[in-house]
Protein backbone atom coordinates (compact mmCIF):
# COMPACT_ATOMS: atom_id res chain seq x y z
CA UNK A 1 -0.04 -0.05 -0.07
CA UNK A 2 2.85 2.32 0.65
CA UNK A 3 3.88 1.86 -2.98
CA UNK A 4 0.47 2.91 -3.90
CA UNK A 5 0.82 5.99 -1.60
CA UNK A 6 3.62 7.29 -3.68
CA UNK A 7 2.01 7.30 -6.71
CA UNK A 8 0.75 10.93 -6.08
CA UNK A 9 4.29 12.27 -5.09
CA UNK A 10 5.11 11.40 -8.84
CA UNK A 11 5.02 14.36 -10.88
CA UNK A 12 3.80 13.24 -14.11
CA UNK A 13 0.93 11.48 -11.95
CA UNK A 14 -0.32 14.58 -10.56
CA UNK A 15 -0.49 16.18 -14.19
CA UNK A 16 -2.46 13.28 -15.40
CA UNK A 17 -4.96 13.46 -12.29
CA UNK A 18 -5.27 17.15 -12.48
CA UNK A 19 -6.04 16.93 -16.07
CA UNK A 20 -8.50 13.88 -15.70
CA UNK A 21 -10.40 15.97 -12.72
CA UNK A 22 -10.80 18.79 -15.12
CA UNK A 23 -11.99 16.96 -18.16
CA UNK A 24 -14.27 14.71 -16.25
CA UNK A 25 -15.47 17.47 -13.88
CA UNK A 26 -16.68 19.64 -17.38
CA UNK A 27 -17.93 16.48 -18.71
CA UNK A 28 -20.27 15.50 -15.52
CA UNK A 29 -21.38 19.51 -14.83
CA UNK A 30 -22.53 19.45 -18.47
CA UNK A 31 -24.33 16.47 -18.72
CA UNK A 32 -25.38 15.94 -15.14
CA UNK A 33 -29.25 17.02 -16.16
CA UNK A 34 -29.55 15.84 -19.71
CA UNK A 35 -28.01 12.28 -18.69
CA UNK A 36 -29.86 11.62 -15.05
CA UNK A 37 -29.71 7.89 -15.31
CA UNK A 38 -29.41 8.39 -19.16
CA UNK A 39 -32.88 9.24 -19.97
CA UNK A 40 -32.51 12.14 -22.35
CA UNK A 41 -35.43 14.27 -23.72
CA UNK A 42 -35.48 12.36 -26.90
CA UNK A 43 -35.78 8.94 -24.96
CA UNK A 44 -38.52 10.14 -22.94
CA UNK A 45 -40.62 11.77 -25.71
CA UNK A 46 -40.20 7.96 -27.62
CA UNK A 47 -41.23 6.19 -24.15
CA UNK A 48 -44.37 8.38 -23.79
CA UNK A 49 -45.44 8.03 -27.30
CA UNK A 50 -45.09 4.03 -27.57
CA UNK A 51 -47.87 1.66 -26.75
CA UNK A 52 -48.05 -2.15 -26.50
CA UNK A 53 -44.93 -4.80 -26.61
CA UNK A 54 -41.76 -3.21 -28.13
CA UNK A 55 -39.05 -5.44 -27.01
CA UNK A 56 -36.21 -4.34 -29.48
CA UNK A 57 -36.38 -0.47 -28.58
CA UNK A 58 -36.49 -0.98 -24.78
CA UNK A 59 -33.36 -3.45 -25.23
CA UNK A 60 -31.51 -0.82 -27.10
CA UNK A 61 -32.48 1.99 -24.61
CA UNK A 62 -31.44 -0.37 -21.39
CA UNK A 63 -28.06 -0.63 -23.17
CA UNK A 64 -27.72 3.02 -23.95
CA UNK A 65 -28.57 3.86 -20.56
CA UNK A 66 -25.64 1.44 -19.13
CA UNK A 67 -22.87 2.15 -21.54
CA UNK A 68 -23.21 5.78 -21.45
CA UNK A 69 -24.27 6.02 -17.60
CA UNK A 70 -21.16 7.71 -16.06
CA UNK A 71 -22.13 7.12 -12.75
CA UNK A 72 -22.74 3.24 -13.18
CA UNK A 73 -19.59 3.05 -15.22
CA UNK A 74 -17.70 4.65 -12.36
CA UNK A 75 -19.08 2.42 -9.63
CA UNK A 76 -18.35 -1.08 -12.20
CA UNK A 77 -14.69 0.16 -12.57
CA UNK A 78 -14.16 0.54 -8.60
CA UNK A 79 -15.94 -2.52 -8.45
CA UNK A 80 -13.23 -4.38 -10.67
CA UNK A 81 -10.71 -2.46 -10.22
CA UNK A 82 -8.39 -4.93 -7.86
CA UNK A 83 -10.17 -8.08 -8.65
CA UNK A 84 -7.82 -10.31 -10.73
CA UNK A 85 -9.93 -13.57 -11.28
CA UNK A 86 -13.02 -13.80 -13.80
CA UNK A 87 -14.49 -15.35 -11.01
CA UNK A 88 -14.42 -12.87 -8.63
CA UNK A 89 -15.39 -10.37 -11.43
CA UNK A 90 -18.24 -12.34 -11.98
CA UNK A 91 -19.64 -12.50 -8.19
CA UNK A 92 -19.24 -8.93 -7.91
CA UNK A 93 -21.00 -7.81 -11.40
CA UNK A 94 -23.76 -10.41 -10.74
CA UNK A 95 -24.48 -9.01 -7.73
CA UNK A 96 -24.36 -5.28 -8.67
CA UNK A 97 -26.71 -6.95 -11.71
CA UNK A 98 -29.28 -8.27 -9.03
CA UNK A 99 -29.78 -5.44 -6.95
CA UNK A 100 -29.30 -3.15 -9.77
CA UNK A 101 -32.37 -5.05 -11.73
CA UNK A 102 -34.68 -5.69 -8.40
CA UNK A 103 -35.17 -2.21 -7.86
CA UNK A 104 -35.59 -0.95 -11.23
CA UNK A 105 -38.26 -3.69 -12.28
CA UNK A 106 -39.93 -3.34 -8.92
CA UNK A 107 -39.83 0.22 -8.52
CA UNK A 108 -41.49 0.59 -11.60
CA UNK A 109 -43.57 -2.18 -11.56
CA UNK A 110 -44.97 -1.00 -8.05
CA UNK A 111 -44.59 2.64 -8.50
CA UNK A 112 -41.89 3.22 -5.66
CA UNK A 113 -40.72 6.45 -6.38
CA UNK A 114 -37.81 8.69 -4.27
CA UNK A 115 -36.76 12.22 -5.32
CA UNK A 116 -34.05 12.28 -8.15
CA UNK A 117 -31.95 14.60 -6.39
CA UNK A 118 -31.64 12.76 -3.18
CA UNK A 119 -31.23 8.93 -5.20
CA UNK A 120 -28.45 10.25 -7.54
CA UNK A 121 -26.35 11.95 -4.72
CA UNK A 122 -26.69 8.21 -2.71
CA UNK A 123 -25.48 7.16 -5.94
CA UNK A 124 -22.74 9.48 -6.34
CA UNK A 125 -22.04 8.32 -2.45
CA UNK A 126 -21.43 4.54 -3.95
CA UNK A 127 -18.64 6.09 -5.89
CA UNK A 128 -17.30 7.60 -3.08
CA UNK A 129 -17.17 4.65 -0.80
CA UNK A 130 -15.62 2.02 -3.55
CA UNK A 131 -12.77 4.78 -4.53
CA UNK A 132 -12.25 4.88 -0.68
CA UNK A 133 -12.81 0.84 -0.11
CA UNK A 134 -10.27 0.40 -2.94
CA UNK A 135 -7.42 2.95 -1.13
CA UNK A 136 -7.90 1.17 2.21
CA UNK A 137 -9.27 4.05 4.10
CA UNK A 138 -11.74 1.79 6.05
CA UNK A 139 -8.82 -0.28 7.43
CA UNK A 140 -6.75 2.57 8.12
CA UNK A 141 -9.63 4.74 9.42
CA UNK A 142 -11.55 2.22 11.34
CA UNK A 143 -9.69 -1.00 11.71
CA UNK A 144 -12.24 -3.25 9.66
CA UNK A 145 -13.05 -4.03 6.61
CA UNK A 146 -16.73 -3.84 5.05
CA UNK A 147 -18.30 -6.64 3.64
CA UNK A 148 -17.55 -5.79 -0.28
CA UNK A 149 -20.25 -8.05 -1.50
CA UNK A 150 -22.87 -6.81 0.81
CA UNK A 151 -22.00 -3.20 -0.50
CA UNK A 152 -21.90 -3.81 -3.92
CA UNK A 153 -25.52 -5.51 -3.60
CA UNK A 154 -27.06 -2.79 -1.52
CA UNK A 155 -25.84 0.17 -3.60
CA UNK A 156 -26.96 -2.16 -6.70
CA UNK A 157 -30.34 -1.62 -5.22
CA UNK A 158 -29.76 2.45 -4.89
CA UNK A 159 -28.71 2.75 -8.60
CA UNK A 160 -31.72 0.48 -9.86
CA UNK A 161 -34.10 2.71 -7.81
CA UNK A 162 -32.70 5.83 -9.23
CA UNK A 163 -33.17 4.48 -12.68
CA UNK A 164 -36.81 3.25 -11.55
CA UNK A 165 -37.45 6.77 -10.29
CA UNK A 166 -36.43 8.75 -13.35
CA UNK A 167 -38.46 5.97 -15.77
CA UNK A 168 -41.62 6.82 -13.54
CA UNK A 169 -41.70 10.59 -14.10
CA UNK A 170 -42.30 9.78 -18.39
CA UNK A 171 -45.45 7.41 -17.04
CA UNK A 172 -44.75 4.38 -19.36
CA UNK A 173 -47.94 3.10 -21.06
CA UNK A 174 -49.70 0.15 -18.87
CA UNK A 175 -49.90 -2.15 -22.11
CA UNK A 176 -46.83 -4.55 -22.16
CA UNK A 177 -45.57 -2.89 -19.48
CA UNK A 178 -43.70 -5.99 -17.96
CA UNK A 179 -42.67 -7.00 -21.24
CA UNK A 180 -41.00 -3.82 -22.27
CA UNK A 181 -39.39 -3.61 -18.34
CA UNK A 182 -37.74 -7.10 -18.72
CA UNK A 183 -36.49 -6.05 -22.06
CA UNK A 184 -34.88 -2.75 -20.92
CA UNK A 185 -33.43 -4.84 -18.26
CA UNK A 186 -32.01 -7.19 -20.75
CA UNK A 187 -30.48 -4.31 -22.45
CA UNK A 188 -29.22 -2.95 -19.36
CA UNK A 189 -27.39 -6.66 -18.33
CA UNK A 190 -26.33 -6.31 -22.19
CA UNK A 191 -24.72 -3.10 -21.59
CA UNK A 192 -23.09 -3.79 -18.59
CA UNK A 193 -21.37 -6.55 -20.33
CA UNK A 194 -19.89 -4.36 -23.05
CA UNK A 195 -18.79 -1.83 -20.62
CA UNK A 196 -17.46 -4.64 -18.23
CA UNK A 197 -15.42 -5.91 -21.45
CA UNK A 198 -13.81 -2.37 -22.28
CA UNK A 199 -12.84 -1.97 -18.73
CA UNK A 200 -11.16 -4.93 -18.18
CA UNK A 201 -9.22 -5.13 -21.64
CA UNK A 202 -8.05 -1.64 -20.70
CA UNK A 203 -7.38 -2.77 -16.96
CA UNK A 204 -5.42 -6.07 -18.70
CA UNK A 205 -2.90 -3.74 -20.53
CA UNK A 206 -2.56 -1.32 -17.62
CA UNK A 207 -1.96 -3.73 -14.75
CA UNK A 208 1.26 -5.11 -17.00
CA UNK A 209 2.58 -1.38 -16.40
CA UNK A 210 5.65 -1.19 -13.64
CA UNK A 211 3.43 1.99 -12.81
CA UNK A 212 0.23 0.58 -11.96
CA UNK A 213 0.36 0.49 -8.28
CA UNK A 214 1.51 4.35 -8.18
CA UNK A 215 -0.89 5.18 -10.79
CA UNK A 216 -3.98 3.36 -8.92
CA UNK A 217 -3.82 5.61 -5.87
CA UNK A 218 -4.25 8.81 -8.26
CA UNK A 219 -6.96 6.92 -10.03
CA UNK A 220 -9.03 5.89 -7.09
CA UNK A 221 -8.26 9.51 -5.73
CA UNK A 222 -9.87 10.95 -9.00
CA UNK A 223 -12.67 8.64 -8.67
CA UNK A 224 -13.55 9.79 -5.48
CA UNK A 225 -13.35 13.22 -6.45
CA UNK A 226 -16.02 12.65 -9.37
CA UNK A 227 -18.04 10.94 -6.74
CA UNK A 228 -18.01 14.01 -4.54
CA UNK A 229 -18.83 16.10 -7.58
CA UNK A 230 -21.89 13.82 -8.77
CA UNK A 231 -23.02 14.36 -4.78
CA UNK A 232 -22.68 18.12 -4.91
CA UNK A 233 -24.25 18.67 -7.88
CA UNK A 234 -27.38 16.54 -6.70
CA UNK A 235 -27.41 17.95 -3.12
CA UNK A 236 -27.03 21.88 -4.77
CA UNK A 237 -30.31 20.46 -7.57
CA UNK A 238 -32.40 19.58 -4.03
CA UNK A 239 -32.10 22.67 -2.70
CA UNK A 240 -32.64 24.89 -5.61
CA UNK A 241 -35.33 22.93 -6.79
CA UNK A 242 -37.08 22.76 -3.48
């Protein structure tokens, strides 16, 4: 872990961190409203207009939601960051998918809704939590390691609730609702597989670098910062809206 901490003292690593922070901050700030859970205005209009069972369109929307949802991607990156065995990757990603799918489907079907700003702030918190976990903060601060599998499942519930809350705002037609929701969820899982494949390929090459552990510390600090930015934007939005 000391090797990881020393990564922040490297000038090149600091420059990369600062540039990444500025770029990602600008991206999140400029897209936070339009892409909240990735239900854009065009997609919302389409959802409101169609009627009946539409398997392929909803699968497409589900996949688009996952591969362009920066909050989900950041959390997923944090989850697999230090997982080297595919068995472990499969377990953690499955737990996240189980949580995400359960509350998304149940939330829309039963009409559960939570203030979008609050749930999005919690999703930002999930990114902060995972980055701190990767940095070994809980062991140093509190002397114990939280159950990472349980945390992944629980935060998966919140990620799914966030999407359900947003979908409920657009009042999907009741005819064909279950089939469309299942298709959407299948699309989400396909999108997750695509995003995960890219992450694992990049991580595979990155881990071969002799500077990986030094850069890993910086990467997780940047990830944590992005989580705080997401939280700050949503908390500010909540108070402005109310």
